[in-house]
Amino acid sequence: MDLTQILVAVTLSVTSLFMILIGYQVIKILQEIRVMLKKAETIVESFERVGSGVENGFNDMMGFVGGLKSVFKILEIFRQRQGSRSDDQNESTTP
């Protein structure tokens, strides 16, 4: 064999080995990325659960506040009616 043929064969062999090693490393990196994405997905899902819990709590609180407003409006109506009845009674008793 000629020296150039030996150099070409060695170069191709070394290049092939490097390509195999690089391919193996790329596969390992992609596997790690897959694991990280799964973990990130579980974190996002837990944040969604927390967010929906906060949203439900906020909606419940707003419903409670709305109920209190309704109770105060009803009490105000009763006070107005009581006031108008007492005014009517005072007017009818005064000659």
PDB file of N, CA and C in Angstrom:
ATOM      1  N   MET A   1       0.830  -1.171   0.000  1.00  0.00           N
ATOM      2  CA  MET A   1       0.000   0.000   0.000  1.00  0.00           C
ATOM      3  C   MET A   1       0.878   1.238   0.000  1.00  0.00           C
ATOM      4  N   ASP A   2       0.345   2.199  -0.618  1.00  0.00           N
ATOM      5  CA  ASP A   2       1.040   3.472  -0.718  1.00  0.00           C
ATOM      6  C   ASP A   2       0.804   4.268   0.568  1.00  0.00           C
ATOM      7  N   LEU A   3       1.681   5.176   0.874  1.00  0.00           N
ATOM      8  CA  LEU A   3       1.579   5.975   2.096  1.00  0.00           C
ATOM      9  C   LEU A   3       0.318   6.832   2.104  1.00  0.00           C
ATOM     10  N   THR A   4      -0.066   7.372   0.975  1.00  0.00           N
ATOM     11  CA  THR A   4      -1.272   8.204   0.910  1.00  0.00           C
ATOM     12  C   THR A   4      -2.522   7.383   1.173  1.00  0.00           C
ATOM     13  N   GLN A   5      -2.539   6.153   0.694  1.00  0.00           N
ATOM     14  CA  GLN A   5      -3.696   5.283   0.949  1.00  0.00           C
ATOM     15  C   GLN A   5      -3.807   4.963   2.439  1.00  0.00           C
ATOM     16  N   ILE A   6      -2.663   4.742   3.069  1.00  0.00           N
ATOM     17  CA  ILE A   6      -2.666   4.458   4.506  1.00  0.00           C
ATOM     18  C   ILE A   6      -3.170   5.687   5.276  1.00  0.00           C
ATOM     19  N   LEU A   7      -2.698   6.871   4.907  1.00  0.00           N
ATOM     20  CA  LEU A   7      -3.141   8.102   5.567  1.00  0.00           C
ATOM     21  C   LEU A   7      -4.638   8.339   5.367  1.00  0.00           C
ATOM     22  N   VAL A   8      -5.137   8.090   4.173  1.00  0.00           N
ATOM     23  CA  VAL A   8      -6.573   8.256   3.897  1.00  0.00           C
ATOM     24  C   VAL A   8      -7.382   7.257   4.722  1.00  0.00           C
ATOM     25  N   ALA A   9      -6.931   6.016   4.801  1.00  0.00           N
ATOM     26  CA  ALA A   9      -7.643   4.990   5.570  1.00  0.00           C
ATOM     27  C   ALA A   9      -7.648   5.343   7.053  1.00  0.00           C
ATOM     28  N   VAL A  10      -6.514   5.795   7.580  1.00  0.00           N
ATOM     29  CA  VAL A  10      -6.439   6.180   8.991  1.00  0.00           C
ATOM     30  C   VAL A  10      -7.325   7.402   9.249  1.00  0.00           C
ATOM     31  N   THR A  11      -7.274   8.366   8.366  1.00  0.00           N
ATOM     32  CA  THR A  11      -8.095   9.573   8.521  1.00  0.00           C
ATOM     33  C   THR A  11      -9.578   9.231   8.506  1.00  0.00           C
ATOM     34  N   LEU A  12      -9.988   8.387   7.587  1.00  0.00           N
ATOM     35  CA  LEU A  12     -11.393   7.977   7.516  1.00  0.00           C
ATOM     36  C   LEU A  12     -11.806   7.197   8.762  1.00  0.00           C
ATOM     37  N   SER A  13     -10.923   6.358   9.244  1.00  0.00           N
ATOM     38  CA  SER A  13     -11.233   5.583  10.452  1.00  0.00           C
ATOM     39  C   SER A  13     -11.393   6.498  11.661  1.00  0.00           C
ATOM     40  N   VAL A  14     -10.468   7.422  11.826  1.00  0.00           N
ATOM     41  CA  VAL A  14     -10.537   8.353  12.951  1.00  0.00           C
ATOM     42  C   VAL A  14     -11.782   9.242  12.833  1.00  0.00           C
ATOM     43  N   THR A  15     -12.055   9.723  11.638  1.00  0.00           N
ATOM     44  CA  THR A  15     -13.245  10.551  11.414  1.00  0.00           C
ATOM     45  C   THR A  15     -14.518   9.768  11.715  1.00  0.00           C
ATOM     46  N   SER A  16     -14.563   8.521  11.294  1.00  0.00           N
ATOM     47  CA  SER A  16     -15.732   7.678  11.571  1.00  0.00           C
ATOM     48  C   SER A  16     -15.913   7.471  13.067  1.00  0.00           C
ATOM     49  N   LEU A  17     -14.820   7.228  13.782  1.00  0.00           N
ATOM     50  CA  LEU A  17     -14.909   7.063  15.232  1.00  0.00           C
ATOM     51  C   LEU A  17     -15.411   8.341  15.912  1.00  0.00           C
ATOM     52  N   PHE A  18     -14.886   9.489  15.461  1.00  0.00           N
ATOM     53  CA  PHE A  18     -15.352  10.752  16.022  1.00  0.00           C
ATOM     54  C   PHE A  18     -16.840  10.969  15.749  1.00  0.00           C
ATOM     55  N   MET A  19     -17.288  10.640  14.551  1.00  0.00           N
ATOM     56  CA  MET A  19     -18.706  10.801  14.206  1.00  0.00           C
ATOM     57  C   MET A  19     -19.579   9.887  15.058  1.00  0.00           C
ATOM     58  N   ILE A  20     -19.102   8.668  15.313  1.00  0.00           N
ATOM     59  CA  ILE A  20     -19.854   7.742  16.163  1.00  0.00           C
ATOM     60  C   ILE A  20     -19.937   8.295  17.583  1.00  0.00           C
ATOM     61  N   LEU A  21     -18.811   8.802  18.104  1.00  0.00           N
ATOM     62  CA  LEU A  21     -18.809   9.379  19.451  1.00  0.00           C
ATOM     63  C   LEU A  21     -19.712  10.612  19.546  1.00  0.00           C
ATOM     64  N   ILE A  22     -19.649  11.459  18.527  1.00  0.00           N
ATOM     65  CA  ILE A  22     -20.498  12.654  18.518  1.00  0.00           C
ATOM     66  C   ILE A  22     -21.973  12.255  18.445  1.00  0.00           C
ATOM     67  N   GLY A  23     -22.300  11.272  17.623  1.00  0.00           N
ATOM     68  CA  GLY A  23     -23.681  10.786  17.529  1.00  0.00           C
ATOM     69  C   GLY A  23     -24.168  10.234  18.852  1.00  0.00           C
ATOM     70  N   TYR A  24     -23.319   9.491  19.540  1.00  0.00           N
ATOM     71  CA  TYR A  24     -23.674   8.938  20.845  1.00  0.00           C
ATOM     72  C   TYR A  24     -23.941  10.064  21.845  1.00  0.00           C
ATOM     73  N   GLN A  25     -23.072  11.078  21.840  1.00  0.00           N
ATOM     74  CA  GLN A  25     -23.256  12.213  22.744  1.00  0.00           C
ATOM     75  C   GLN A  25     -24.544  12.980  22.424  1.00  0.00           C
ATOM     76  N   VAL A  26     -24.858  13.138  21.158  1.00  0.00           N
ATOM     77  CA  VAL A  26     -26.099  13.821  20.765  1.00  0.00           C
ATOM     78  C   VAL A  26     -27.312  13.043  21.271  1.00  0.00           C
ATOM     79  N   ILE A  27     -27.270  11.724  21.158  1.00  0.00           N
ATOM     80  CA  ILE A  27     -28.372  10.889  21.648  1.00  0.00           C
ATOM     81  C   ILE A  27     -28.525  11.058  23.154  1.00  0.00           C
ATOM     82  N   LYS A  28     -27.415  11.058  23.891  1.00  0.00           N
ATOM     83  CA  LYS A  28     -27.473  11.236  25.342  1.00  0.00           C
ATOM     84  C   LYS A  28     -28.030  12.617  25.710  1.00  0.00           C
ATOM     85  N   ILE A  29     -27.611  13.642  24.997  1.00  0.00           N
ATOM     86  CA  ILE A  29     -28.109  14.994  25.258  1.00  0.00           C
ATOM     87  C   ILE A  29     -29.610  15.066  24.996  1.00  0.00           C
ATOM     88  N   LEU A  30     -30.067  14.471  23.906  1.00  0.00           N
ATOM     89  CA  LEU A  30     -31.493  14.473  23.593  1.00  0.00           C
ATOM     90  C   LEU A  30     -32.298  13.722  24.653  1.00  0.00           C
ATOM     91  N   GLN A  31     -31.738  12.648  25.189  1.00  0.00           N
ATOM     92  CA  GLN A  31     -32.427  11.924  26.257  1.00  0.00           C
ATOM     93  C   GLN A  31     -32.540  12.785  27.515  1.00  0.00           C
ATOM     94  N   GLU A  32     -31.477  13.519  27.838  1.00  0.00           N
ATOM     95  CA  GLU A  32     -31.520  14.402  29.003  1.00  0.00           C
ATOM     96  C   GLU A  32     -32.524  15.530  28.796  1.00  0.00           C
ATOM     97  N   ILE A  33     -32.582  16.062  27.590  1.00  0.00           N
ATOM     98  CA  ILE A  33     -33.555  17.110  27.282  1.00  0.00           C
ATOM     99  C   ILE A  33     -34.969  16.576  27.443  1.00  0.00           C
ATOM    100  N   ARG A  34     -35.188  15.341  27.018  1.00  0.00           N
ATOM    101  CA  ARG A  34     -36.510  14.721  27.152  1.00  0.00           C
ATOM    102  C   ARG A  34     -36.905  14.608  28.626  1.00  0.00           C
ATOM    103  N   VAL A  35     -35.960  14.180  29.465  1.00  0.00           N
ATOM    104  CA  VAL A  35     -36.236  14.060  30.901  1.00  0.00           C
ATOM    105  C   VAL A  35     -36.528  15.438  31.498  1.00  0.00           C
ATOM    106  N   MET A  36     -35.747  16.452  31.116  1.00  0.00           N
ATOM    107  CA  MET A  36     -35.967  17.798  31.631  1.00  0.00           C
ATOM    108  C   MET A  36     -37.322  18.338  31.196  1.00  0.00           C
ATOM    109  N   LEU A  37     -37.726  18.067  29.963  1.00  0.00           N
ATOM    110  CA  LEU A  37     -39.025  18.535  29.487  1.00  0.00           C
ATOM    111  C   LEU A  37     -40.170  17.864  30.235  1.00  0.00           C
ATOM    112  N   LYS A  38     -40.004  16.584  30.568  1.00  0.00           N
ATOM    113  CA  LYS A  38     -41.035  15.902  31.359  1.00  0.00           C
ATOM    114  C   LYS A  38     -41.152  16.539  32.741  1.00  0.00           C
ATOM    115  N   LYS A  39     -40.010  16.853  33.356  1.00  0.00           N
ATOM    116  CA  LYS A  39     -40.034  17.506  34.667  1.00  0.00           C
ATOM    117  C   LYS A  39     -40.671  18.891  34.563  1.00  0.00           C
ATOM    118  N   ALA A  40     -40.326  19.626  33.512  1.00  0.00           N
ATOM    119  CA  ALA A  40     -40.912  20.953  33.316  1.00  0.00           C
ATOM    120  C   ALA A  40     -42.419  20.847  33.113  1.00  0.00           C
ATOM    121  N   GLU A  41     -42.854  19.808  32.423  1.00  0.00           N
ATOM    122  CA  GLU A  41     -44.290  19.609  32.204  1.00  0.00           C
ATOM    123  C   GLU A  41     -45.016  19.372  33.527  1.00  0.00           C
ATOM    124  N   THR A  42     -44.424  18.568  34.405  1.00  0.00           N
ATOM    125  CA  THR A  42     -45.062  18.328  35.703  1.00  0.00           C
ATOM    126  C   THR A  42     -45.102  19.610  36.539  1.00  0.00           C
ATOM    127  N   ILE A  43     -44.056  20.422  36.435  1.00  0.00           N
ATOM    128  CA  ILE A  43     -44.039  21.693  37.161  1.00  0.00           C
ATOM    129  C   ILE A  43     -45.129  22.617  36.632  1.00  0.00           C
ATOM    130  N   VAL A  44     -45.260  22.692  35.313  1.00  0.00           N
ATOM    131  CA  VAL A  44     -46.294  23.543  34.715  1.00  0.00           C
ATOM    132  C   VAL A  44     -47.683  23.057  35.114  1.00  0.00           C
ATOM    133  N   GLU A  45     -47.885  21.752  35.126  1.00  0.00           N
ATOM    134  CA  GLU A  45     -49.178  21.205  35.537  1.00  0.00           C
ATOM    135  C   GLU A  45     -49.484  21.553  36.990  1.00  0.00           C
ATOM    136  N   SER A  46     -48.474  21.494  37.849  1.00  0.00           N
ATOM    137  CA  SER A  46     -48.718  21.846  39.254  1.00  0.00           C
ATOM    138  C   SER A  46     -49.030  23.334  39.388  1.00  0.00           C
ATOM    139  N   PHE A  47     -48.367  24.187  38.604  1.00  0.00           N
ATOM    140  CA  PHE A  47     -48.691  25.613  38.618  1.00  0.00           C
ATOM    141  C   PHE A  47     -50.116  25.850  38.128  1.00  0.00           C
ATOM    142  N   GLU A  48     -50.542  25.082  37.123  1.00  0.00           N
ATOM    143  CA  GLU A  48     -51.914  25.220  36.631  1.00  0.00           C
ATOM    144  C   GLU A  48     -52.908  24.847  37.718  1.00  0.00           C
ATOM    145  N   ARG A  49     -52.606  23.774  38.460  1.00  0.00           N
ATOM    146  CA  ARG A  49     -53.499  23.374  39.549  1.00  0.00           C
ATOM    147  C   ARG A  49     -53.559  24.452  40.625  1.00  0.00           C
ATOM    148  N   VAL A  50     -52.398  25.018  40.962  1.00  0.00           N
ATOM    149  CA  VAL A  50     -52.366  26.082  41.967  1.00  0.00           C
ATOM    150  C   VAL A  50     -53.124  27.300  41.454  1.00  0.00           C
ATOM    151  N   GLY A  51     -52.907  27.639  40.195  1.00  0.00           N
ATOM    152  CA  GLY A  51     -53.603  28.787  39.609  1.00  0.00           C
ATOM    153  C   GLY A  51     -55.105  28.607  39.587  1.00  0.00           C
ATOM    154  N   SER A  52     -55.565  27.422  39.229  1.00  0.00           N
ATOM    155  CA  SER A  52     -57.011  27.191  39.216  1.00  0.00           C
ATOM    156  C   SER A  52     -57.559  27.198  40.635  1.00  0.00           C
ATOM    157  N   GLY A  53     -56.776  26.715  41.607  1.00  0.00           N
ATOM    158  CA  GLY A  53     -57.206  26.772  43.001  1.00  0.00           C
ATOM    159  C   GLY A  53     -57.336  28.205  43.489  1.00  0.00           C
ATOM    160  N   VAL A  54     -56.375  29.044  43.124  1.00  0.00           N
ATOM    161  CA  VAL A  54     -56.434  30.456  43.504  1.00  0.00           C
ATOM    162  C   VAL A  54     -57.621  31.126  42.823  1.00  0.00           C
ATOM    163  N   GLU A  55     -57.823  30.791  41.559  1.00  0.00           N
ATOM    164  CA  GLU A  55     -58.944  31.373  40.820  1.00  0.00           C
ATOM    165  C   GLU A  55     -60.274  30.975  41.452  1.00  0.00           C
ATOM    166  N   ASN A  56     -60.412  29.707  41.810  1.00  0.00           N
ATOM    167  CA  ASN A  56     -61.646  29.257  42.456  1.00  0.00           C
ATOM    168  C   ASN A  56     -61.837  29.945  43.801  1.00  0.00           C
ATOM    169  N   GLY A  57     -60.759  30.093  44.558  1.00  0.00           N
ATOM    170  CA  GLY A  57     -60.837  30.794  45.834  1.00  0.00           C
ATOM    171  C   GLY A  57     -61.242  32.246  45.657  1.00  0.00           C
ATOM    172  N   PHE A  58     -60.690  32.891  44.632  1.00  0.00           N
ATOM    173  CA  PHE A  58     -61.037  34.280  44.352  1.00  0.00           C
ATOM    174  C   PHE A  58     -62.504  34.389  43.957  1.00  0.00           C
ATOM    175  N   ASN A  59     -62.971  33.456  43.123  1.00  0.00           N
ATOM    176  CA  ASN A  59     -64.378  33.467  42.720  1.00  0.00           C
ATOM    177  C   ASN A  59     -65.288  33.247  43.922  1.00  0.00           C
ATOM    178  N   ASP A  60     -64.896  32.344  44.811  1.00  0.00           N
ATOM    179  CA  ASP A  60     -65.683  32.112  46.021  1.00  0.00           C
ATOM    180  C   ASP A  60     -65.724  33.366  46.891  1.00  0.00           C
ATOM    181  N   MET A  61     -64.582  34.035  47.011  1.00  0.00           N
ATOM    182  CA  MET A  61     -64.523  35.251  47.810  1.00  0.00           C
ATOM    183  C   MET A  61     -65.404  36.340  47.193  1.00  0.00           C
ATOM    184  N   MET A  62     -65.364  36.477  45.870  1.00  0.00           N
ATOM    185  CA  MET A  62     -66.198  37.471  45.205  1.00  0.00           C
ATOM    186  C   MET A  62     -67.674  37.141  45.385  1.00  0.00           C
ATOM    187  N   GLY A  63     -68.027  35.871  45.364  1.00  0.00           N
ATOM    188  CA  GLY A  63     -69.406  35.473  45.622  1.00  0.00           C
ATOM    189  C   GLY A  63     -69.825  35.825  47.038  1.00  0.00           C
ATOM    190  N   PHE A  64     -68.936  35.615  47.982  1.00  0.00           N
ATOM    191  CA  PHE A  64     -69.216  35.960  49.378  1.00  0.00           C
ATOM    192  C   PHE A  64     -69.422  37.462  49.524  1.00  0.00           C
ATOM    193  N   VAL A  65     -68.558  38.254  48.890  1.00  0.00           N
ATOM    194  CA  VAL A  65     -68.682  39.711  48.959  1.00  0.00           C
ATOM    195  C   VAL A  65     -69.989  40.149  48.303  1.00  0.00           C
ATOM    196  N   GLY A  66     -70.330  39.531  47.173  1.00  0.00           N
ATOM    197  CA  GLY A  66     -71.597  39.852  46.521  1.00  0.00           C
ATOM    198  C   GLY A  66     -72.779  39.518  47.410  1.00  0.00           C
ATOM    199  N   GLY A  67     -72.704  38.403  48.122  1.00  0.00           N
ATOM    200  CA  GLY A  67     -73.763  38.039  49.065  1.00  0.00           C
ATOM    201  C   GLY A  67     -73.884  39.044  50.194  1.00  0.00           C
ATOM    202  N   LEU A  68     -72.753  39.498  50.715  1.00  0.00           N
ATOM    203  CA  LEU A  68     -72.782  40.512  51.775  1.00  0.00           C
ATOM    204  C   LEU A  68     -73.405  41.810  51.274  1.00  0.00           C
ATOM    205  N   LYS A  69     -73.086  42.200  50.048  1.00  0.00           N
ATOM    206  CA  LYS A  69     -73.684  43.411  49.479  1.00  0.00           C
ATOM    207  C   LYS A  69     -75.197  43.262  49.392  1.00  0.00           C
ATOM    208  N   SER A  70     -75.640  42.085  48.977  1.00  0.00           N
ATOM    209  CA  SER A  70     -77.084  41.843  48.893  1.00  0.00           C
ATOM    210  C   SER A  70     -77.733  41.931  50.264  1.00  0.00           C
ATOM    211  N   VAL A  71     -77.094  41.359  51.266  1.00  0.00           N
ATOM    212  CA  VAL A  71     -77.638  41.425  52.628  1.00  0.00           C
ATOM    213  C   VAL A  71     -77.725  42.869  53.095  1.00  0.00           C
ATOM    214  N   PHE A  72     -76.700  43.669  52.843  1.00  0.00           N
ATOM    215  CA  PHE A  72     -76.730  45.069  53.255  1.00  0.00           C
ATOM    216  C   PHE A  72     -77.803  45.847  52.509  1.00  0.00           C
ATOM    217  N   LYS A  73     -78.012  45.545  51.233  1.00  0.00           N
ATOM    218  CA  LYS A  73     -79.079  46.212  50.479  1.00  0.00           C
ATOM    219  C   LYS A  73     -80.445  45.861  51.059  1.00  0.00           C
ATOM    220  N   ILE A  74     -80.637  44.592  51.406  1.00  0.00           N
ATOM    221  CA  ILE A  74     -81.912  44.172  51.999  1.00  0.00           C
ATOM    222  C   ILE A  74     -82.122  44.874  53.334  1.00  0.00           C
ATOM    223  N   LEU A  75     -81.078  44.948  54.148  1.00  0.00           N
ATOM    224  CA  LEU A  75     -81.190  45.651  55.432  1.00  0.00           C
ATOM    225  C   LEU A  75     -81.510  47.127  55.234  1.00  0.00           C
ATOM    226  N   GLU A  76     -80.920  47.736  54.220  1.00  0.00           N
ATOM    227  CA  GLU A  76     -81.194  49.140  53.934  1.00  0.00           C
ATOM    228  C   GLU A  76     -82.652  49.333  53.516  1.00  0.00           C
ATOM    229  N   ILE A  77     -83.167  48.418  52.706  1.00  0.00           N
ATOM    230  CA  ILE A  77     -84.576  48.493  52.297  1.00  0.00           C
ATOM    231  C   ILE A  77     -85.480  48.357  53.512  1.00  0.00           C
ATOM    232  N   PHE A  78     -85.181  47.414  54.411  1.00  0.00           N
ATOM    233  CA  PHE A  78     -85.979  47.254  55.624  1.00  0.00           C
ATOM    234  C   PHE A  78     -85.928  48.512  56.485  1.00  0.00           C
ATOM    235  N   ARG A  79     -84.770  49.124  56.609  1.00  0.00           N
ATOM    236  CA  ARG A  79     -84.647  50.351  57.401  1.00  0.00           C
ATOM    237  C   ARG A  79     -85.471  51.476  56.792  1.00  0.00           C
ATOM    238  N   GLN A  80     -85.425  51.583  55.458  1.00  0.00           N
ATOM    239  CA  GLN A  80     -86.211  52.617  54.791  1.00  0.00           C
ATOM    240  C   GLN A  80     -87.698  52.386  55.019  1.00  0.00           C
ATOM    241  N   ARG A  81     -88.136  51.149  54.936  1.00  0.00           N
ATOM    242  CA  ARG A  81     -89.552  50.842  55.154  1.00  0.00           C
ATOM    243  C   ARG A  81     -89.941  51.097  56.606  1.00  0.00           C
ATOM    244  N   GLN A  82     -89.061  50.736  57.522  1.00  0.00           N
ATOM    245  CA  GLN A  82     -89.341  50.991  58.938  1.00  0.00           C
ATOM    246  C   GLN A  82     -89.408  52.499  59.190  1.00  0.00           C
ATOM    247  N   GLY A  83     -88.517  53.234  58.553  1.00  0.00           N
ATOM    248  CA  GLY A  83     -88.512  54.690  58.699  1.00  0.00           C
ATOM    249  C   GLY A  83     -89.765  55.299  58.112  1.00  0.00           C
ATOM    250  N   SER A  84     -90.209  54.832  56.962  1.00  0.00           N
ATOM    251  CA  SER A  84     -91.418  55.383  56.351  1.00  0.00           C
ATOM    252  C   SER A  84     -92.649  54.990  57.153  1.00  0.00           C
ATOM    253  N   ARG A  85     -92.695  53.833  57.741  1.00  0.00           N
ATOM    254  CA  ARG A  85     -93.824  53.419  58.580  1.00  0.00           C
ATOM    255  C   ARG A  85     -93.886  54.258  59.853  1.00  0.00           C
ATOM    256  N   SER A  86     -92.739  54.502  60.459  1.00  0.00           N
ATOM    257  CA  SER A  86     -92.740  55.304  61.683  1.00  0.00           C
ATOM    258  C   SER A  86     -93.121  56.741  61.362  1.00  0.00           C
ATOM    259  N   ASP A  87     -92.724  57.259  60.177  1.00  0.00           N
ATOM    260  CA  ASP A  87     -93.124  58.599  59.765  1.00  0.00           C
ATOM    261  C   ASP A  87     -94.627  58.646  59.542  1.00  0.00           C
ATOM    262  N   ASP A  88     -95.194  57.594  58.919  1.00  0.00           N
ATOM    263  CA  ASP A  88     -96.632  57.526  58.681  1.00  0.00           C
ATOM    264  C   ASP A  88     -97.381  57.481  60.004  1.00  0.00           C
ATOM    265  N   GLN A  89     -96.889  56.740  60.964  1.00  0.00           N
ATOM    266  CA  GLN A  89     -97.542  56.635  62.267  1.00  0.00           C
ATOM    267  C   GLN A  89     -97.448  57.960  63.020  1.00  0.00           C
ATOM    268  N   ASN A  90     -96.336  58.643  62.914  1.00  0.00           N
ATOM    269  CA  ASN A  90     -96.173  59.937  63.577  1.00  0.00           C
ATOM    270  C   ASN A  90     -97.111  60.974  62.972  1.00  0.00           C
ATOM    271  N   GLU A  91     -97.288  60.954  61.670  1.00  0.00           N
ATOM    272  CA  GLU A  91     -98.168  61.904  61.002  1.00  0.00           C
ATOM    273  C   GLU A  91     -99.626  61.631  61.354  1.00  0.00           C
ATOM    274  N   SER A  92     -99.993  60.359  61.473  1.00  0.00           N
ATOM    275  CA  SER A  92    -101.387  60.035  61.783  1.00  0.00           C
ATOM    276  C   SER A  92    -101.723  60.312  63.241  1.00  0.00           C
ATOM    277  N   THR A  93    -100.784  60.281  64.143  1.00  0.00           N
ATOM    278  CA  THR A  93    -101.046  60.525  65.559  1.00  0.00           C
ATOM    279  C   THR A  93    -100.999  62.006  65.895  1.00  0.00           C
ATOM    280  N   THR A  94    -100.364  62.823  65.122  1.00  0.00           N
ATOM    281  CA  THR A  94    -100.306  64.256  65.399  1.00  0.00           C
ATOM    282  C   THR A  94    -101.522  64.943  64.782  1.00  0.00           C
ATOM    283  N   PRO A  95    -102.271  65.721  65.597  1.00  0.00           N
ATOM    284  CA  PRO A  95    -103.473  66.402  65.070  1.00  0.00           C
ATOM    285  C   PRO A  95    -103.171  67.655  64.328  1.00  0.00           C
TER     286      PRO A  95
END
